Every structure is written in C-alpha cells, then in structure tokens.
Protein backbone atom coordinates (compact mmCIF):
# COMPACT_ATOMS: atom_id res chain seq x y z
CA MET A 1 0.00 0.00 0.00
CA ALA A 2 2.94 2.31 0.64
CA GLU A 3 4.31 1.92 -2.99
CA LYS A 4 1.37 3.57 -4.76
CA PRO A 5 2.36 7.20 -4.06
CA VAL A 6 5.84 6.45 -5.38
CA ALA A 7 4.41 5.13 -8.69
CA GLU A 8 2.11 8.07 -9.07
CA GLY A 9 4.99 10.45 -8.50
CA THR A 10 7.09 8.75 -11.18
CA ALA A 11 4.29 9.05 -13.78
CA ALA A 12 3.85 12.72 -13.00
CA GLU A 13 7.55 13.39 -13.41
CA GLY A 14 7.50 11.61 -16.82
CA ALA A 15 4.59 13.73 -18.02
CA VAL A 16 6.37 16.89 -16.95
CA ALA A 17 9.50 15.78 -18.81
CA GLU A 18 7.56 15.14 -22.08
CA LYS A 19 6.10 18.65 -22.24
CA PRO A 20 9.43 20.42 -22.98
CA LYS A 21 10.13 17.84 -25.66
CA ALA A 22 6.81 18.55 -27.37
CA ARG A 23 7.43 22.26 -27.19
CA ARG A 24 10.90 21.82 -28.65
CA GLY A 25 9.43 19.75 -31.52
CA ARG A 26 6.85 22.38 -32.35
CA ARG A 27 9.50 25.09 -32.12
CA THR A 28 11.76 23.14 -34.47
CA PHE A 29 8.88 22.70 -36.94
CA LEU A 30 8.04 26.38 -36.82
CA MET A 31 11.67 27.41 -37.30
CA LEU A 32 12.56 24.94 -40.04
CA GLY A 33 9.51 23.23 -41.47
CA LEU A 34 7.24 26.23 -41.87
CA PRO A 35 9.80 28.35 -43.79
CA LEU A 36 10.51 25.33 -45.96
CA LEU A 37 6.82 24.92 -46.74
CA VAL A 38 6.52 28.61 -47.50
CA ALA A 39 9.57 28.42 -49.76
CA LEU A 40 8.19 25.37 -51.57
CA ALA A 41 4.80 27.05 -52.02
CA GLY A 42 6.45 30.24 -53.23
CA GLY A 43 8.62 28.30 -55.66
CA TYR A 44 5.58 26.47 -57.00
CA PHE A 45 3.66 29.68 -57.58
CA TRP A 46 6.75 31.26 -59.12
CA VAL A 47 7.27 28.43 -61.58
CA THR A 48 3.61 28.12 -62.54
CA GLY A 49 2.74 31.81 -62.23
CA GLY A 50 3.90 32.74 -65.74
CA ARG A 51 1.75 30.14 -67.48
CA TYR A 52 -1.60 31.87 -67.26
CA VAL A 53 -2.07 35.54 -68.18
CA SER A 54 -5.38 37.22 -67.57
CA THR A 55 -7.07 40.58 -67.95
CA GLU A 56 -10.44 42.15 -67.35
CA ASN A 57 -9.83 44.74 -70.06
CA ALA A 58 -11.78 42.71 -72.62
CA TYR A 59 -15.00 43.32 -74.51
CA VAL A 60 -17.32 41.51 -76.88
CA GLN A 61 -17.02 42.70 -80.47
CA GLN A 62 -19.29 42.17 -83.47
CA PRO A 63 -19.22 43.62 -87.00
CA LYS A 64 -20.94 47.01 -87.09
CA VAL A 65 -22.00 48.78 -90.27
CA SER A 66 -23.03 52.42 -90.40
CA ILE A 67 -26.02 52.74 -92.72
CA ALA A 68 -25.85 55.89 -94.84
CA PRO A 69 -27.84 56.76 -97.99
CA ASP A 70 -26.02 57.22 -101.30
CA VAL A 71 -28.37 60.04 -102.33
CA ALA A 72 -29.82 63.00 -100.48
CA GLY A 73 -33.49 63.67 -99.93
CA ARG A 74 -36.43 63.55 -97.53
CA ILE A 75 -37.43 60.34 -95.80
CA VAL A 76 -40.86 59.10 -96.87
CA THR A 77 -40.82 55.60 -95.31
CA VAL A 78 -39.11 53.95 -92.34
CA ALA A 79 -39.60 50.19 -92.62
CA VAL A 80 -37.79 48.99 -89.46
CA ARG A 81 -37.93 49.54 -85.72
CA GLU A 82 -35.24 49.57 -83.07
CA ASN A 83 -33.40 46.24 -82.52
CA GLN A 84 -35.28 44.53 -85.36
CA ARG A 85 -33.56 41.61 -87.06
CA VAL A 86 -33.33 42.03 -90.84
CA GLY A 87 -31.99 39.99 -93.72
CA ALA A 88 -29.67 41.00 -96.51
CA GLY A 89 -31.58 43.12 -99.04
CA ASP A 90 -34.47 44.05 -96.73
CA VAL A 91 -35.58 47.67 -97.16
CA LEU A 92 -34.71 49.83 -94.15
CA PHE A 93 -36.07 53.19 -95.29
CA GLN A 94 -36.86 55.09 -98.48
CA ILE A 95 -36.03 58.57 -99.70
CA ASP A 96 -38.49 60.55 -101.81
CA PRO A 97 -37.97 59.11 -105.33
CA GLU A 98 -39.84 61.79 -107.29
CA PRO A 99 -36.89 64.15 -107.96
CA TYR A 100 -34.77 61.23 -109.10
CA ARG A 101 -37.56 59.86 -111.31
CA LEU A 102 -37.73 63.22 -113.07
CA ALA A 103 -33.97 63.29 -113.44
CA LEU A 104 -34.13 59.84 -115.04
CA GLU A 105 -36.73 61.03 -117.56
CA GLN A 106 -34.54 64.02 -118.42
CA ALA A 107 -31.56 61.75 -118.92
CA GLU A 108 -33.55 59.45 -121.19
CA ALA A 109 -34.71 62.45 -123.25
CA ALA A 110 -31.12 63.66 -123.53
CA LEU A 111 -30.09 60.20 -124.69
CA ALA A 112 -32.72 60.21 -127.41
CA GLY A 113 -31.55 63.67 -128.52
CA ALA A 114 -27.94 62.50 -128.65
CA ARG A 115 -28.90 59.61 -130.90
CA LEU A 116 -30.75 61.98 -133.22
CA ASP A 117 -27.70 64.24 -133.29
CA VAL A 118 -25.58 61.32 -134.45
CA ASP A 119 -28.03 60.63 -137.27
CA ARG A 120 -27.86 64.31 -138.31
CA LEU A 121 -24.07 64.23 -138.21
CA ARG A 122 -24.07 61.17 -140.42
CA SER A 123 -26.38 62.91 -142.92
CA ALA A 124 -24.16 66.00 -142.83
CA TYR A 125 -21.15 63.83 -143.60
CA HIS A 126 -22.82 62.26 -146.62
CA SER A 127 -23.88 65.72 -147.82
CA ALA A 128 -20.36 67.07 -147.38
CA THR A 129 -18.98 64.08 -149.30
CA ALA A 130 -21.36 64.80 -152.17
CA ASP A 131 -20.36 68.47 -152.16
CA LEU A 132 -16.71 67.42 -152.26
CA GLN A 133 -17.27 65.31 -155.31
CA THR A 134 -19.10 68.17 -157.01
CA ALA A 135 -16.23 70.51 -156.17
CA LYS A 136 -13.75 68.03 -157.68
CA ASP A 137 -15.76 67.78 -160.92
CA THR A 138 -16.11 71.56 -161.12
CA LEU A 139 -12.38 72.07 -160.64
CA ALA A 140 -11.57 69.51 -163.30
CA PHE A 141 -13.89 71.26 -165.75
CA ARG A 142 -12.38 74.69 -164.95
CA LYS A 143 -8.86 73.38 -165.47
CA ASN A 144 -9.74 71.91 -168.85
CA GLU A 145 -11.47 75.12 -169.89
CA LEU A 146 -8.47 77.19 -168.79
CA ALA A 147 -6.08 74.99 -170.77
CA ARG A 148 -8.25 75.18 -173.90
CA GLN A 149 -8.55 78.97 -173.80
CA GLN A 150 -4.84 79.33 -173.14
CA LYS A 151 -4.21 77.77 -176.55
CA LEU A 152 -6.84 79.94 -178.22
CA VAL A 153 -5.83 83.23 -176.69
CA GLY A 154 -2.57 83.25 -178.65
CA ASN A 155 -4.39 82.82 -181.96
CA GLY A 156 -6.85 85.60 -181.18
CA TYR A 157 -9.87 83.37 -180.95
CA VAL A 158 -10.37 84.22 -177.26
CA THR A 159 -10.02 87.67 -175.83
CA LYS A 160 -7.73 88.32 -172.95
CA SER A 161 -10.62 89.32 -170.70
CA GLN A 162 -12.38 86.00 -171.37
CA PHE A 163 -9.19 84.14 -170.50
CA GLU A 164 -8.84 86.05 -167.23
CA GLU A 165 -12.42 85.26 -166.34
CA THR A 166 -11.78 81.55 -166.98
CA ARG A 167 -8.63 81.61 -164.84
CA LEU A 168 -10.53 83.36 -162.02
CA ALA A 169 -13.27 80.70 -162.20
CA GLU A 170 -10.58 77.98 -161.97
CA GLN A 171 -9.15 79.58 -158.81
CA GLU A 172 -12.62 79.84 -157.26
CA ALA A 173 -13.15 76.12 -158.00
CA GLU A 174 -9.92 75.29 -156.17
CA GLN A 175 -11.08 77.29 -153.14
CA GLN A 176 -14.45 75.55 -153.18
CA LEU A 177 -12.66 72.18 -153.28
CA ARG A 178 -10.54 73.05 -150.27
CA SER A 179 -13.65 74.24 -148.42
CA ALA A 180 -15.50 71.02 -149.28
CA GLU A 181 -12.54 68.93 -148.02
CA GLN A 182 -12.58 70.83 -144.72
CA GLN A 183 -16.30 70.26 -144.35
CA VAL A 184 -15.86 66.53 -144.95
CA ALA A 185 -13.03 66.39 -142.40
CA SER A 186 -15.14 68.27 -139.85
CA ALA A 187 -18.15 66.00 -140.42
CA LEU A 188 -15.92 62.93 -140.11
CA ALA A 189 -14.43 64.19 -136.85
CA ALA A 190 -17.92 64.82 -135.50
CA LEU A 191 -18.64 61.13 -136.17
CA GLY A 192 -15.65 60.04 -134.11
CA GLY A 193 -13.41 59.46 -137.11
CA SER A 194 -15.55 56.73 -138.67
CA PRO A 195 -18.62 57.29 -140.85
CA ASP A 196 -19.81 53.76 -140.10
CA ILE A 197 -19.71 54.15 -136.32
CA ALA A 198 -22.65 52.63 -134.44
CA THR A 199 -24.96 55.22 -132.94
CA ASP A 200 -24.52 53.97 -129.37
CA ASP A 201 -20.72 53.97 -129.78
CA HIS A 202 -20.58 57.69 -130.46
CA PRO A 203 -18.94 59.64 -127.59
CA ALA A 204 -21.95 61.96 -127.17
CA VAL A 205 -24.29 58.98 -126.95
CA LEU A 206 -21.95 57.20 -124.55
CA GLU A 207 -22.01 60.24 -122.29
CA ALA A 208 -25.79 60.37 -122.46
CA LEU A 209 -25.96 56.65 -121.67
CA ALA A 210 -23.73 57.18 -118.62
CA ASN A 211 -25.93 60.02 -117.43
CA ARG A 212 -29.00 57.85 -117.91
CA ASP A 213 -27.42 54.98 -115.96
CA GLN A 214 -26.38 57.36 -113.18
CA ALA A 215 -29.90 58.73 -112.95
CA LYS A 216 -31.28 55.19 -112.87
CA PHE A 217 -28.78 54.24 -110.16
CA ASN A 218 -29.74 57.26 -108.06
CA LEU A 219 -33.41 56.36 -108.35
CA GLU A 220 -32.71 52.79 -107.23
CA ARG A 221 -30.64 54.08 -104.30
CA THR A 222 -33.61 55.93 -102.86
CA ARG A 223 -34.56 52.55 -101.38
CA VAL A 224 -31.90 51.87 -98.73
CA ALA A 225 -31.53 48.14 -98.03
CA ALA A 226 -29.53 46.14 -95.48
CA PRO A 227 -26.15 45.10 -96.91
CA ARG A 228 -26.02 41.98 -94.72
CA PRO A 229 -28.20 40.20 -92.15
CA GLY A 230 -28.15 41.58 -88.64
CA ILE A 231 -29.92 43.73 -86.06
CA VAL A 232 -30.62 47.40 -86.73
CA SER A 233 -29.90 49.92 -84.02
CA GLN A 234 -30.22 53.67 -83.46
CA THR A 235 -33.26 53.91 -85.71
CA GLY A 236 -34.76 56.58 -83.48
CA ARG A 237 -32.60 59.20 -85.20
CA LEU A 238 -34.54 58.63 -88.44
CA GLN A 239 -37.96 60.25 -88.82
CA ILE A 240 -40.38 60.59 -91.74
CA GLY A 241 -39.98 63.99 -93.37
CA GLN A 242 -36.41 64.36 -92.18
CA TYR A 243 -33.88 65.51 -94.79
CA VAL A 244 -30.71 63.44 -94.92
CA ALA A 245 -27.54 64.17 -96.84
CA ALA A 246 -25.72 61.61 -98.93
CA GLY A 247 -23.11 59.74 -96.92
CA THR A 248 -24.53 60.71 -93.52
CA ALA A 249 -24.86 57.76 -91.12
CA VAL A 250 -28.45 57.49 -89.88
CA MET A 251 -28.48 54.04 -88.21
CA SER A 252 -26.27 51.06 -87.45
CA LEU A 253 -26.40 47.37 -88.31
CA VAL A 254 -24.85 44.77 -85.99
CA GLU A 255 -24.16 41.20 -87.12
CA PRO A 256 -24.41 39.01 -83.97
CA GLU A 257 -23.53 35.77 -85.78
CA ASP A 258 -19.88 36.86 -86.07
CA THR A 259 -18.71 37.40 -82.49
CA TRP A 260 -15.26 37.64 -80.97
CA VAL A 261 -13.65 39.02 -77.83
CA GLU A 262 -10.96 41.69 -77.97
CA ALA A 263 -8.71 41.64 -74.92
CA ASN A 264 -6.12 44.34 -74.27
CA PHE A 265 -3.12 42.67 -72.64
CA LYS A 266 -0.11 44.45 -71.26
CA GLU A 267 2.95 44.17 -73.44
CA THR A 268 4.74 42.38 -70.60
CA GLU A 269 2.11 39.62 -70.71
CA LEU A 270 2.65 38.68 -74.35
CA THR A 271 6.02 36.98 -73.87
CA GLY A 272 4.69 33.44 -74.20
CA MET A 273 1.42 34.16 -76.00
CA ALA A 274 0.86 32.77 -79.49
CA VAL A 275 -1.98 32.21 -81.94
CA GLY A 276 -3.91 29.00 -81.29
CA GLN A 277 -3.44 28.89 -77.50
CA GLN A 278 -6.41 27.94 -75.38
CA ALA A 279 -8.20 30.52 -73.24
CA GLU A 280 -11.07 30.77 -70.81
CA LEU A 281 -13.70 33.50 -70.95
CA THR A 282 -16.18 34.73 -68.41
CA PHE A 283 -18.79 37.41 -68.99
CA ASP A 284 -20.32 39.73 -66.43
CA THR A 285 -23.74 38.96 -67.91
CA TYR A 286 -23.35 35.24 -67.16
CA PRO A 287 -21.61 34.96 -63.77
CA GLY A 288 -20.47 31.50 -62.76
CA ARG A 289 -20.14 30.25 -66.34
CA SER A 290 -16.93 29.90 -68.32
CA PHE A 291 -16.49 29.53 -72.07
CA GLU A 292 -13.70 27.98 -74.11
CA ALA A 293 -11.84 30.17 -76.56
CA GLU A 294 -8.59 30.33 -78.46
CA VAL A 295 -6.26 33.11 -79.48
CA ALA A 296 -7.16 34.03 -83.09
CA SER A 297 -4.69 36.88 -83.66
CA ILE A 298 -2.43 39.33 -81.88
CA GLY A 299 -2.54 43.00 -82.81
CA ALA A 300 0.14 44.51 -85.02
CA GLY A 301 0.62 47.45 -82.66
CA THR A 302 -0.67 49.21 -79.60
CA GLY A 303 -3.95 51.07 -79.66
CA ALA A 304 -2.13 54.40 -79.41
CA GLU A 305 -0.32 53.75 -82.69
CA PHE A 306 -3.60 53.61 -84.62
CA SER A 307 -5.26 56.60 -82.99
CA LEU A 308 -5.99 59.78 -84.93
CA LEU A 309 -3.37 61.64 -82.88
CA PRO A 310 -0.51 59.23 -82.05
CA ALA A 311 1.43 59.98 -78.90
CA GLN A 312 4.59 62.06 -79.34
CA ASN A 313 7.20 60.55 -77.06
CA ALA A 314 10.13 62.70 -78.21
CA THR A 315 9.54 65.24 -75.45
CA GLY A 316 11.37 66.21 -72.29
CA ASN A 317 8.60 65.13 -69.91
CA TRP A 318 8.42 61.52 -71.10
CA VAL A 319 7.13 58.95 -68.59
CA LYS A 320 7.27 55.24 -69.35
CA VAL A 321 3.82 53.65 -69.44
CA VAL A 322 3.16 49.98 -70.02
CA GLN A 323 1.37 49.69 -73.35
CA ARG A 324 -1.46 47.34 -74.20
CA ILE A 325 -1.79 45.18 -77.31
CA PRO A 326 -5.24 44.07 -78.59
CA VAL A 327 -5.63 40.29 -78.81
CA ARG A 328 -8.58 38.74 -80.64
CA LEU A 329 -10.07 35.56 -79.19
CA HIS A 330 -12.47 33.25 -80.99
CA ILE A 331 -15.17 31.60 -78.92
CA VAL A 332 -15.17 27.83 -79.43
CA SER A 333 -18.70 26.45 -79.96
CA PRO A 334 -20.69 29.20 -78.19
CA PRO A 335 -23.82 27.84 -76.47
CA GLN A 336 -27.13 28.55 -78.13
CA ASP A 337 -28.67 29.83 -74.89
CA VAL A 338 -26.08 32.61 -74.58
CA ALA A 339 -26.81 35.95 -76.23
CA LEU A 340 -23.63 37.99 -76.51
CA ARG A 341 -23.97 41.64 -77.45
CA THR A 342 -21.30 43.95 -78.70
CA GLY A 343 -19.60 45.95 -75.98
CA MET A 344 -20.20 43.47 -73.14
CA SER A 345 -17.44 43.20 -70.55
CA ALA A 346 -15.44 39.98 -70.31
CA SER A 347 -12.56 38.47 -68.34
CA VAL A 348 -9.92 36.47 -70.19
CA SER A 349 -7.33 33.95 -69.02
CA VAL A 350 -4.93 32.52 -71.61
CA ASP A 351 -2.93 29.34 -71.07
CA THR A 352 0.43 30.19 -72.62
CA GLY A 353 2.09 26.93 -71.51
CA HIS A 354 5.09 28.98 -70.42
CA VAL A 355 6.94 27.70 -67.30
CA ARG A 356 9.39 29.96 -65.52
CA GLY A 357 12.57 28.50 -64.03
CA LEU A 358 13.75 29.04 -60.47
CA PRO A 359 15.65 32.24 -59.76
CA LYS A 360 19.43 32.03 -59.85
CA VAL A 361 19.71 32.56 -56.09
CA ILE A 362 17.49 29.58 -55.31
CA ARG A 363 19.20 27.37 -57.87
CA SER A 364 22.61 28.24 -56.43
CA ALA A 365 21.38 27.51 -52.90
CA LEU A 366 19.99 24.14 -53.97
CA ALA A 367 23.24 23.35 -55.72
CA VAL A 368 25.19 24.08 -52.50
CA VAL A 369 23.17 21.55 -50.53
CA GLY A 370 23.50 19.03 -53.33
CA ILE A 371 20.01 19.36 -54.85
CA GLY A 372 19.83 20.15 -58.54
CA PRO A 373 22.71 21.15 -60.86
CA SER A 374 26.19 22.03 -59.68
CA VAL A 375 27.04 25.52 -58.43
CA ALA A 376 29.07 26.31 -61.53
CA GLN A 377 26.24 25.23 -63.84
CA ALA A 378 23.67 27.17 -61.79
CA ARG A 379 25.80 30.28 -62.04
CA ALA A 380 26.31 29.73 -65.74
CA ASP A 381 22.56 29.48 -66.26
C-alpha cells in the first residue's frame, strides 16, 4: 500500500518531462519546417505563375455597319424599328424618289436627242462628201477650160478678158474644193473618225448613256436596303420627313452571328502568348459560367499607334507607361442559350504553356546543398 504514491509520483515526473520535448518539436517545426513549406509554395507559384495571363480589359465585339444613304433627300418611309432583325436586301427606309424619277426622264430624253444628233451628223457627212465630189468635178472642168482657152488666146480666138475670167473661175473652184474637203473632215471628226460608227458607240451617246445609268442608279438608291443580315440599331434618329444628306450615317447594323472578344493585354504579358493557344472567358452577364476560346490573332501594334493623334514621345517630360496590345479571341462552340452583345465586358485567361525556371539565387542555394545542378552550372545558367 505504501508503494502507490511512489508510482504516481514517477508518472507525474514523466509527463512533466515530455512537455518540454513537445514544445521543442513544435519550435523546431516552426523554425525549419514552416519556412521550408513557404519556400516550396512560393517556388511552385513562381514556376507556374507565368503560365496563365489574364485581364479584365476585354470586350465583346461584333461587326458594325453604319447605314448611310447614297443620295440626299427627304425620308418618306421607315420600314424597321429599333433592334429589329433584318436579312440582306431588306428595305430599311426610303427617300423621296420623285426628284430622281424626273432626273431619269430628263436623262432618257437627252439620250434620245444625242442619238438623233448622231443621225444628223451622219447625214451631214454624206452631204459634205457629195459636195466634195461636185467641187472636184467643177475644178476639173475649170482646169480643162483654162487649158483650152490658153491655146486659143494666142491665136486671137479668145479675148484676154475672157481668158482672165476663166482663170478666175478655176481659182474659185480650187477654193471651193478646199472648203469642201474641210467640211468633210469636220463632219468625219464629229462622227468620231468613222462614218460607219454605231450610234450607241458615239462619244456623245456614250455620255448620255452614262448620265441615264447614273440617274437610274440614283433612283434605285432611294430605297436603302440592309447590306447583310443583322440587327438594326439607333433607328430613333430617323424620322419621316427628315432631310438626310448623302453619306450621312443614320443608323447602325450589328451582325451578332460573327462574335469575338478583344482583350487588351499588357505588353509584358505577351512573352509566351501565341496564336492558337487555349483561353477561358467569363462574362459579367453570365456569372459562374466559363467559355472555351482560343487566341485568333495578336494585334500589329498598340492602340495608341492607330489613334488619330498618335502619342509624341520625343519630349522632355516623357514617362514610361506599359502599353497594351489588342488580342482577338475566338469563342469555341458558343452555347445557343447565350446571347452575346457587342460591348459586353469579359474576363480572359490565356494558357500560354510557359513555365518559368527558379531564380538564380534559389538554384545556387539548392546546388550548394547538393540538390539540382552544380554551383558552376547554376551560375552559368
């Protein structure tokens, strides 16, 4: 019975002795193990951190066409409403066609007059040709008469005054011949150099035909149609009775079937990026959902390079700013239940597959303790 207190005292002393050991073990773990875990975790994130690059500076893009009439006039019909889907060739609105119909009638009348003018020129050419032949015959007769009287004047059969009259008539015939030749040349030039030219090949008729076609084109362009299928927008700016000038944008057409995402990455994030790499997209409109994509193209320059007023960096107050490069991403098999609209915000993460190596300091330290390459090789790397 007297041994029990001794046994209990021995157990208590053993328990008291184990407590410092446990504290020393935890202290050793905190001093050595925890920094090692932190270093390993930091090394892992360092090595894998350069593989994925992401940005929230990304937006949905779709082809946009500004609809502008080719001719000026007052709007008489608006055939669409805001956000209406249209097909290629569907009429959007119409400009008053009456002035252009009248212009077409005037052009057709001018064309008919030009054709008549060609017929008159052809008749004038034939008449000038006949006059030329008459002038040639007259001159030949006058020359023969002058030669005959020249023989007779020496014998006294013809007076000198008669001979002078004959010579004067011969000179007048020569002048008439030259005048007839000029008239023929002028008539031939008016026919474009060929008397057998087709009426519609004459330059005056060709000009009239062009004017007629232009007037017809203008009349057809009073009906403004959609150049491609899509959704019309900003139609509220167009009202019946409103006068619009040619080339003035009055509405927009968006083609939702052709959709891409344009992400603006920092230039420092493009080191390992290449066309064809996989990416992940998320849209603010559809939280909790991700979409597969791939890099379709990388911009040829920064956005500032293509602005109307490029930045002038050759100044004394220059400050370095990280530039951004637009990257186009193609959505792979977009779900049918997702409606993406141009301008929506998106977040992009691209898997570049790039793995960064350990820093030189860490590699040298590992080489010292015998892990990894030798110290000389680590320093060489």
